[in-house]
Amino acid sequence: MTESSSTAFSEALNVFTSLFNGGGGPHVRLGRVWFNAAPPPEVLAPMDGSLTRDDMVVTVSGYGAGRLSVVLPATAVATSGAA
């Protein structure tokens, strides 16, 4: 992935995180994106347990449709009150 693509993708993810805010839950923000490298163990540790996955088709005007999957630790979903 080129540097400009990485920057654009990171910005899109940063905007996307705002969808997780609201409802009295904790504020979510993008901390870091790892391109071409594995995240450190402390980032992966919450994913060792049960996971909740939501698969979607997203359409962006002028760009077409694509698939998007969001995977969260089940504990994050349970504490936020999301289903």
C-alpha atoms as a PDB file:
ATOM      1  CA  MET A   1       0.000   0.000   0.000  1.00  0.00           C
ATOM      2  CA  THR A   2       1.409   3.392  -0.929  1.00  0.00           C
ATOM      3  CA  GLU A   3       1.944   6.081   1.689  1.00  0.00           C
ATOM      4  CA  SER A   4      -0.860   8.235   0.251  1.00  0.00           C
ATOM      5  CA  SER A   5      -3.243   5.229   0.239  1.00  0.00           C
ATOM      6  CA  SER A   6      -2.259   4.415   3.827  1.00  0.00           C
ATOM      7  CA  THR A   7      -2.942   7.996   4.891  1.00  0.00           C
ATOM      8  CA  ALA A   8      -6.320   8.074   3.126  1.00  0.00           C
ATOM      9  CA  PHE A   9      -7.308   4.705   4.603  1.00  0.00           C
ATOM     10  CA  SER A  10      -6.300   5.818   8.105  1.00  0.00           C
ATOM     11  CA  GLU A  11      -8.394   8.973   7.736  1.00  0.00           C
ATOM     12  CA  ALA A  12     -11.402   6.928   6.584  1.00  0.00           C
ATOM     13  CA  LEU A  13     -11.008   4.628   9.613  1.00  0.00           C
ATOM     14  CA  ASN A  14     -10.751   7.646  11.895  1.00  0.00           C
ATOM     15  CA  VAL A  15     -14.082   8.959  10.587  1.00  0.00           C
ATOM     16  CA  PHE A  16     -15.590   5.467  10.834  1.00  0.00           C
ATOM     17  CA  THR A  17     -14.767   5.216  14.555  1.00  0.00           C
ATOM     18  CA  SER A  18     -17.292   7.992  15.240  1.00  0.00           C
ATOM     19  CA  LEU A  19     -20.033   5.441  14.463  1.00  0.00           C
ATOM     20  CA  PHE A  20     -19.091   3.639  17.699  1.00  0.00           C
ATOM     21  CA  ASN A  21     -19.566   6.754  19.862  1.00  0.00           C
ATOM     22  CA  GLY A  22     -22.778   7.678  21.600  1.00  0.00           C
ATOM     23  CA  GLY A  23     -25.304   5.976  23.799  1.00  0.00           C
ATOM     24  CA  GLY A  24     -23.386   6.774  26.972  1.00  0.00           C
ATOM     25  CA  GLY A  25     -20.627   4.267  26.184  1.00  0.00           C
ATOM     26  CA  PRO A  26     -16.926   4.992  26.237  1.00  0.00           C
ATOM     27  CA  HIS A  27     -15.545   7.343  23.577  1.00  0.00           C
ATOM     28  CA  VAL A  28     -13.813   5.419  20.783  1.00  0.00           C
ATOM     29  CA  ARG A  29     -11.014   6.873  18.694  1.00  0.00           C
ATOM     30  CA  LEU A  30      -8.459   5.510  16.280  1.00  0.00           C
ATOM     31  CA  GLY A  31      -5.116   5.061  17.969  1.00  0.00           C
ATOM     32  CA  ARG A  32      -2.960   3.503  15.271  1.00  0.00           C
ATOM     33  CA  VAL A  33      -3.199   1.448  12.099  1.00  0.00           C
ATOM     34  CA  TRP A  34      -0.592  -1.220  11.329  1.00  0.00           C
ATOM     35  CA  PHE A  35       0.218  -1.648   7.646  1.00  0.00           C
ATOM     36  CA  ASN A  36       2.383  -4.579   6.595  1.00  0.00           C
ATOM     37  CA  ALA A  37       3.230  -5.422  10.203  1.00  0.00           C
ATOM     38  CA  ALA A  38       1.569  -7.319  13.018  1.00  0.00           C
ATOM     39  CA  PRO A  39       0.266  -5.280  15.966  1.00  0.00           C
ATOM     40  CA  PRO A  40       2.002  -5.838  19.308  1.00  0.00           C
ATOM     41  CA  PRO A  41       0.696  -8.609  21.614  1.00  0.00           C
ATOM     42  CA  GLU A  42      -1.114  -6.181  23.935  1.00  0.00           C
ATOM     43  CA  VAL A  43      -3.284  -5.050  21.017  1.00  0.00           C
ATOM     44  CA  LEU A  44      -4.081  -8.616  19.957  1.00  0.00           C
ATOM     45  CA  ALA A  45      -4.704  -9.968  23.498  1.00  0.00           C
ATOM     46  CA  PRO A  46      -8.385  -8.899  23.715  1.00  0.00           C
ATOM     47  CA  MET A  47      -9.020 -10.819  20.492  1.00  0.00           C
ATOM     48  CA  ASP A  48      -8.006 -14.140  22.110  1.00  0.00           C
ATOM     49  CA  GLY A  49     -11.503 -14.643  23.507  1.00  0.00           C
ATOM     50  CA  SER A  50     -14.951 -14.604  21.987  1.00  0.00           C
ATOM     51  CA  LEU A  51     -15.430 -12.244  19.037  1.00  0.00           C
ATOM     52  CA  THR A  52     -18.447 -10.481  17.557  1.00  0.00           C
ATOM     53  CA  ARG A  53     -18.363  -9.902  13.790  1.00  0.00           C
ATOM     54  CA  ASP A  54     -20.633  -7.725  11.672  1.00  0.00           C
ATOM     55  CA  ASP A  55     -20.365  -8.035   7.867  1.00  0.00           C
ATOM     56  CA  MET A  56     -21.791  -5.245   5.718  1.00  0.00           C
ATOM     57  CA  VAL A  57     -21.930  -4.000   2.149  1.00  0.00           C
ATOM     58  CA  VAL A  58     -21.086  -0.300   1.998  1.00  0.00           C
ATOM     59  CA  THR A  59     -21.823   1.892  -1.013  1.00  0.00           C
ATOM     60  CA  VAL A  60     -20.016   5.205  -1.461  1.00  0.00           C
ATOM     61  CA  SER A  61     -21.382   7.517  -4.127  1.00  0.00           C
ATOM     62  CA  GLY A  62     -18.899   7.820  -6.968  1.00  0.00           C
ATOM     63  CA  TYR A  63     -16.885   4.788  -5.810  1.00  0.00           C
ATOM     64  CA  GLY A  64     -19.349   1.906  -5.825  1.00  0.00           C
ATOM     65  CA  ALA A  65     -19.979  -0.846  -3.295  1.00  0.00           C
ATOM     66  CA  GLY A  66     -17.591  -2.872  -1.193  1.00  0.00           C
ATOM     67  CA  ARG A  67     -17.587  -5.173   1.800  1.00  0.00           C
ATOM     68  CA  LEU A  68     -16.760  -4.084   5.319  1.00  0.00           C
ATOM     69  CA  SER A  69     -16.360  -6.311   8.352  1.00  0.00           C
ATOM     70  CA  VAL A  70     -16.081  -5.092  11.921  1.00  0.00           C
ATOM     71  CA  VAL A  71     -14.683  -7.531  14.474  1.00  0.00           C
ATOM     72  CA  LEU A  72     -14.811  -6.651  18.163  1.00  0.00           C
ATOM     73  CA  PRO A  73     -14.063  -8.580  21.329  1.00  0.00           C
ATOM     74  CA  ALA A  74     -17.375  -9.782  22.772  1.00  0.00           C
ATOM     75  CA  THR A  75     -16.474  -8.055  26.049  1.00  0.00           C
ATOM     76  CA  ALA A  76     -16.413  -4.673  24.244  1.00  0.00           C
ATOM     77  CA  VAL A  77     -19.885  -5.303  22.844  1.00  0.00           C
ATOM     78  CA  ALA A  78     -21.220  -6.444  26.245  1.00  0.00           C
ATOM     79  CA  THR A  79     -19.897  -3.367  28.058  1.00  0.00           C
ATOM     80  CA  SER A  80     -21.136  -0.926  25.408  1.00  0.00           C
ATOM     81  CA  GLY A  81     -24.675  -2.300  25.392  1.00  0.00           C
ATOM     82  CA  ALA A  82     -24.552  -2.951  21.632  1.00  0.00           C
ATOM     83  CA  ALA A  83     -26.119  -6.083  20.208  1.00  0.00           C
END
